[in-house]
Amino acid sequence: MAATLPSKTIKVPLTGWSFSLNPGPFTLKEHVLITIFASSGAGGVYAVHIITSVKAFYHKDLHIIAAFLLSQTTQMMGYGWAGLFRKYLVESPYMWWPSNLVLVSVFR
């Protein structure tokens, strides 16, 4: 992208601000961050399984606000627990994740 976008500086009128559309070359950190964002958003919300199970097996409909709050609560609790147990799950040398070995080898 850095080779194709123009490096011309664009000035904002009536202010002292200026910017360029060319961000420059990507670093390794930016590539890793984009991969983390893409992989965390690629999966579905597990609470959808709860909502569809209630609908399929119990023939009850959840209110849209209740379904939304359920999905948001489970997502936030998941990220919260992951943050609390980061020391044991992420930084521990005894916990290795085979699916992530491919990405580690790509970024090395």
Foldseek 3Di string as FASTA:
>chain_A
DLVPADQDWAADPPDRDIDGPRPDDDDLVVVVVVVVVCVVPVDDQPLVVVQVCCCPPVVDHDDPVVSVVSSVVVVVVVVVVCVVCVVPAPVDPVHDDVVCVVVVVVSD
